[in-house]
């Protein structure tokens, strides 16, 4: 699984609508509204690098109100939460 962190600048008056549109896209697992230089952060998880081109420039960048994006590709995951979830698959809570 390939994880990309997509930093998104948007029209400020459309942040909620843009966030909902991006969150509904295949390959996007989460969208956060954030402080700082960017308005939204989207977590994109896909099977192949070629799929990133489909999701990011192919869909996210085409959402009306998205002004620009910057993408970071993750090399490794160190989150304990992700590791616990992976090992808990199929276990009843």
N, C-alpha and C. Protein backbone atom coordinates (compact mmCIF):
# COMPACT_ATOMS: atom_id res chain seq x y z
N UNK A 1 0.84 -1.18 0.00
CA UNK A 1 0.00 0.00 0.00
C UNK A 1 0.89 1.24 0.00
N UNK A 2 0.57 2.17 -0.87
CA UNK A 2 1.31 3.43 -0.97
C UNK A 2 0.47 4.52 -0.32
N UNK A 3 1.10 5.27 0.57
CA UNK A 3 0.41 6.36 1.26
C UNK A 3 1.00 7.69 0.82
N UNK A 4 0.11 8.60 0.45
CA UNK A 4 0.52 9.96 0.10
C UNK A 4 -0.24 10.93 0.99
N UNK A 5 0.46 11.95 1.45
CA UNK A 5 -0.15 13.03 2.22
C UNK A 5 -0.26 14.20 1.26
N UNK A 6 -1.49 14.63 1.02
CA UNK A 6 -1.73 15.69 0.04
C UNK A 6 -2.14 16.95 0.79
N UNK A 7 -1.31 18.00 0.68
CA UNK A 7 -1.58 19.29 1.30
C UNK A 7 -2.33 20.13 0.27
N UNK A 8 -3.49 20.66 0.65
CA UNK A 8 -4.39 21.30 -0.30
C UNK A 8 -4.69 22.74 0.11
N UNK A 9 -4.50 23.68 -0.85
CA UNK A 9 -4.93 25.06 -0.67
C UNK A 9 -6.24 25.20 -1.43
N UNK A 10 -7.23 25.83 -0.77
CA UNK A 10 -8.56 25.94 -1.36
C UNK A 10 -9.08 27.37 -1.28
N UNK A 11 -10.21 27.59 -1.93
CA UNK A 11 -10.97 28.81 -1.69
C UNK A 11 -11.48 28.72 -0.26
N UNK A 12 -11.18 29.70 0.55
CA UNK A 12 -11.49 29.64 1.98
C UNK A 12 -12.99 29.46 2.23
N UNK A 13 -13.81 30.05 1.40
CA UNK A 13 -15.26 29.98 1.62
C UNK A 13 -15.86 28.63 1.21
N UNK A 14 -15.05 27.73 0.64
CA UNK A 14 -15.56 26.44 0.18
C UNK A 14 -14.91 25.25 0.86
N UNK A 15 -14.18 25.47 1.94
CA UNK A 15 -13.44 24.39 2.60
C UNK A 15 -14.33 23.19 2.95
N UNK A 16 -15.48 23.37 3.60
CA UNK A 16 -16.29 22.19 3.96
C UNK A 16 -16.75 21.37 2.75
N UNK A 17 -17.22 22.05 1.70
CA UNK A 17 -17.68 21.34 0.50
C UNK A 17 -16.55 20.61 -0.20
N UNK A 18 -15.40 21.26 -0.30
CA UNK A 18 -14.25 20.65 -0.95
C UNK A 18 -13.78 19.45 -0.14
N UNK A 19 -13.74 19.59 1.17
CA UNK A 19 -13.32 18.48 2.04
C UNK A 19 -14.23 17.28 1.86
N UNK A 20 -15.53 17.50 1.82
CA UNK A 20 -16.47 16.40 1.64
C UNK A 20 -16.32 15.74 0.28
N UNK A 21 -16.10 16.54 -0.75
CA UNK A 21 -15.92 16.00 -2.10
C UNK A 21 -14.67 15.14 -2.17
N UNK A 22 -13.58 15.65 -1.62
CA UNK A 22 -12.31 14.90 -1.65
C UNK A 22 -12.43 13.63 -0.80
N UNK A 23 -13.06 13.73 0.37
CA UNK A 23 -13.20 12.57 1.27
C UNK A 23 -13.99 11.44 0.62
N UNK A 24 -14.88 11.76 -0.29
CA UNK A 24 -15.72 10.75 -0.94
C UNK A 24 -15.00 10.04 -2.10
N UNK A 25 -13.82 10.49 -2.46
CA UNK A 25 -13.10 9.91 -3.60
C UNK A 25 -12.48 8.56 -3.26
N UNK A 26 -12.49 7.66 -4.23
CA UNK A 26 -11.78 6.38 -4.08
C UNK A 26 -10.30 6.66 -3.87
N UNK A 27 -9.71 5.99 -2.90
CA UNK A 27 -8.30 6.16 -2.60
C UNK A 27 -8.02 7.15 -1.49
N UNK A 28 -9.00 7.98 -1.14
CA UNK A 28 -8.83 8.96 -0.07
C UNK A 28 -9.41 8.35 1.21
N UNK A 29 -8.56 8.20 2.23
CA UNK A 29 -9.03 7.58 3.47
C UNK A 29 -9.49 8.60 4.51
N UNK A 30 -8.87 9.77 4.53
CA UNK A 30 -9.24 10.81 5.49
C UNK A 30 -8.95 12.17 4.89
N UNK A 31 -9.68 13.17 5.36
CA UNK A 31 -9.41 14.57 5.02
C UNK A 31 -9.52 15.37 6.31
N UNK A 32 -8.53 16.21 6.57
CA UNK A 32 -8.51 17.04 7.77
C UNK A 32 -8.48 18.51 7.38
N UNK A 33 -9.25 19.35 8.06
CA UNK A 33 -9.05 20.79 7.93
C UNK A 33 -7.97 21.15 8.94
N UNK A 34 -7.05 22.01 8.53
CA UNK A 34 -5.87 22.30 9.35
C UNK A 34 -5.56 23.79 9.37
N UNK A 35 -4.71 24.17 10.32
CA UNK A 35 -4.22 25.54 10.37
C UNK A 35 -2.92 25.61 9.58
N UNK A 36 -2.48 26.83 9.29
CA UNK A 36 -1.20 27.01 8.62
C UNK A 36 -1.35 27.39 7.16
N UNK A 37 -0.34 27.06 6.39
CA UNK A 37 -0.28 27.48 4.98
C UNK A 37 -1.28 26.74 4.10
N UNK A 38 -1.76 25.59 4.54
CA UNK A 38 -2.71 24.79 3.76
C UNK A 38 -4.05 24.76 4.49
N UNK A 39 -5.10 24.47 3.73
CA UNK A 39 -6.44 24.43 4.30
C UNK A 39 -6.90 23.02 4.65
N UNK A 40 -6.47 22.05 3.84
CA UNK A 40 -6.86 20.66 4.03
C UNK A 40 -5.66 19.75 3.88
N UNK A 41 -5.71 18.61 4.55
CA UNK A 41 -4.73 17.54 4.36
C UNK A 41 -5.52 16.28 4.06
N UNK A 42 -5.21 15.65 2.93
CA UNK A 42 -5.88 14.41 2.54
C UNK A 42 -4.88 13.26 2.61
N UNK A 43 -5.31 12.16 3.18
CA UNK A 43 -4.51 10.94 3.21
C UNK A 43 -4.99 10.06 2.06
N UNK A 44 -4.08 9.77 1.15
CA UNK A 44 -4.41 8.95 -0.02
C UNK A 44 -3.67 7.63 0.12
N UNK A 45 -4.40 6.54 0.00
CA UNK A 45 -3.81 5.20 0.10
C UNK A 45 -4.23 4.40 -1.13
N UNK A 46 -3.24 3.99 -1.91
CA UNK A 46 -3.49 3.27 -3.16
C UNK A 46 -2.54 2.09 -3.28
N UNK A 47 -2.84 1.19 -4.20
CA UNK A 47 -2.03 -0.01 -4.38
C UNK A 47 -0.77 0.24 -5.20
N UNK A 48 -0.85 1.14 -6.19
CA UNK A 48 0.28 1.35 -7.10
C UNK A 48 0.58 2.83 -7.25
N UNK A 49 1.82 3.15 -7.58
CA UNK A 49 2.19 4.55 -7.80
C UNK A 49 1.36 5.17 -8.92
N UNK A 50 1.08 4.41 -9.96
CA UNK A 50 0.27 4.93 -11.07
C UNK A 50 -1.10 5.39 -10.59
N UNK A 51 -1.61 4.76 -9.54
CA UNK A 51 -2.92 5.14 -9.00
C UNK A 51 -2.90 6.54 -8.40
N UNK A 52 -1.73 6.98 -7.93
CA UNK A 52 -1.63 8.34 -7.38
C UNK A 52 -1.97 9.37 -8.44
N UNK A 53 -1.54 9.13 -9.68
CA UNK A 53 -1.83 10.06 -10.77
C UNK A 53 -3.33 10.13 -11.04
N UNK A 54 -4.00 9.02 -10.87
CA UNK A 54 -5.45 9.00 -11.06
C UNK A 54 -6.15 9.81 -9.98
N UNK A 55 -5.74 9.63 -8.73
CA UNK A 55 -6.42 10.27 -7.61
C UNK A 55 -6.06 11.75 -7.47
N UNK A 56 -4.77 12.07 -7.50
CA UNK A 56 -4.36 13.44 -7.16
C UNK A 56 -4.56 14.41 -8.34
N UNK A 57 -3.74 14.33 -9.40
CA UNK A 57 -4.02 15.27 -10.49
C UNK A 57 -5.30 14.92 -11.26
N UNK A 58 -5.67 13.66 -11.26
CA UNK A 58 -6.85 13.24 -12.00
C UNK A 58 -8.18 13.61 -11.36
N UNK A 59 -8.21 13.71 -10.02
CA UNK A 59 -9.48 14.00 -9.34
C UNK A 59 -9.37 15.16 -8.35
N UNK A 60 -8.45 15.07 -7.38
CA UNK A 60 -8.37 16.12 -6.35
C UNK A 60 -8.12 17.49 -6.97
N UNK A 61 -7.14 17.59 -7.85
CA UNK A 61 -6.79 18.89 -8.44
C UNK A 61 -7.89 19.46 -9.33
N UNK A 62 -8.84 18.63 -9.73
CA UNK A 62 -9.91 19.09 -10.61
C UNK A 62 -11.17 19.52 -9.85
N UNK A 63 -11.16 19.40 -8.54
CA UNK A 63 -12.31 19.84 -7.74
C UNK A 63 -12.38 21.36 -7.79
N UNK A 64 -13.54 21.92 -8.18
CA UNK A 64 -13.66 23.38 -8.18
C UNK A 64 -13.35 23.96 -6.80
N UNK A 65 -12.49 24.96 -6.76
CA UNK A 65 -12.09 25.57 -5.49
C UNK A 65 -10.75 25.11 -4.98
N UNK A 66 -10.22 23.99 -5.52
CA UNK A 66 -8.86 23.57 -5.16
C UNK A 66 -7.90 24.45 -5.94
N UNK A 67 -7.08 25.21 -5.21
CA UNK A 67 -6.17 26.15 -5.84
C UNK A 67 -4.81 25.53 -6.14
N UNK A 68 -4.32 24.69 -5.23
CA UNK A 68 -3.04 24.01 -5.45
C UNK A 68 -2.90 22.86 -4.47
N UNK A 69 -1.99 21.94 -4.80
CA UNK A 69 -1.69 20.82 -3.89
C UNK A 69 -0.19 20.62 -3.83
N UNK A 70 0.23 20.02 -2.74
CA UNK A 70 1.62 19.55 -2.59
C UNK A 70 1.53 18.15 -2.01
N UNK A 71 2.22 17.21 -2.64
CA UNK A 71 2.10 15.81 -2.24
C UNK A 71 3.39 15.30 -1.64
N UNK A 72 3.25 14.61 -0.51
CA UNK A 72 4.37 13.95 0.17
C UNK A 72 4.10 12.45 0.10
N UNK A 73 5.07 11.66 -0.33
CA UNK A 73 4.93 10.21 -0.38
C UNK A 73 5.58 9.63 0.87
N UNK A 74 4.85 8.76 1.57
CA UNK A 74 5.37 8.15 2.79
C UNK A 74 6.25 6.95 2.43
N UNK A 75 7.40 6.83 3.06
CA UNK A 75 8.29 5.69 2.87
C UNK A 75 7.91 4.54 3.79
N UNK A 76 7.70 4.85 5.06
CA UNK A 76 7.37 3.84 6.07
C UNK A 76 6.29 4.37 7.00
N UNK A 77 5.59 3.44 7.65
CA UNK A 77 4.60 3.79 8.66
C UNK A 77 5.14 3.39 10.02
N UNK A 78 5.10 4.32 10.95
CA UNK A 78 5.56 4.04 12.31
C UNK A 78 4.44 4.18 13.32
N UNK A 79 3.22 4.39 12.87
CA UNK A 79 2.09 4.62 13.76
C UNK A 79 1.69 3.33 14.47
N UNK A 80 1.67 3.37 15.78
CA UNK A 80 1.25 2.22 16.58
C UNK A 80 -0.21 1.89 16.29
N UNK A 81 -1.02 2.91 16.06
CA UNK A 81 -2.44 2.72 15.75
C UNK A 81 -2.60 1.86 14.49
N UNK A 82 -1.84 2.14 13.44
CA UNK A 82 -1.92 1.37 12.21
C UNK A 82 -1.49 -0.07 12.43
N UNK A 83 -0.44 -0.28 13.21
CA UNK A 83 0.04 -1.62 13.47
C UNK A 83 -0.97 -2.43 14.27
N UNK A 84 -1.59 -1.82 15.28
CA UNK A 84 -2.59 -2.51 16.09
C UNK A 84 -3.80 -2.87 15.24
N UNK A 85 -4.22 -1.97 14.37
CA UNK A 85 -5.37 -2.25 13.51
C UNK A 85 -5.10 -3.40 12.55
N UNK A 86 -3.91 -3.46 12.03
CA UNK A 86 -3.56 -4.53 11.09
C UNK A 86 -3.60 -5.89 11.76
N UNK A 87 -3.12 -5.98 13.00
CA UNK A 87 -3.09 -7.25 13.70
C UNK A 87 -4.44 -7.61 14.33
N UNK A 88 -5.36 -6.65 14.38
CA UNK A 88 -6.66 -6.89 15.00
C UNK A 88 -7.73 -7.30 13.97
N UNK A 89 -7.38 -7.37 12.70
CA UNK A 89 -8.35 -7.71 11.67
C UNK A 89 -8.93 -9.09 11.96
N UNK A 90 -10.26 -9.15 11.98
CA UNK A 90 -10.94 -10.41 12.21
C UNK A 90 -11.20 -10.72 13.67
N UNK A 91 -10.68 -9.92 14.58
CA UNK A 91 -10.93 -10.15 16.01
C UNK A 91 -12.17 -9.38 16.43
N UNK A 92 -12.99 -10.00 17.27
CA UNK A 92 -14.17 -9.31 17.78
C UNK A 92 -13.77 -8.34 18.88
N UNK A 93 -14.44 -7.20 18.90
CA UNK A 93 -14.12 -6.17 19.90
C UNK A 93 -14.72 -6.51 21.24
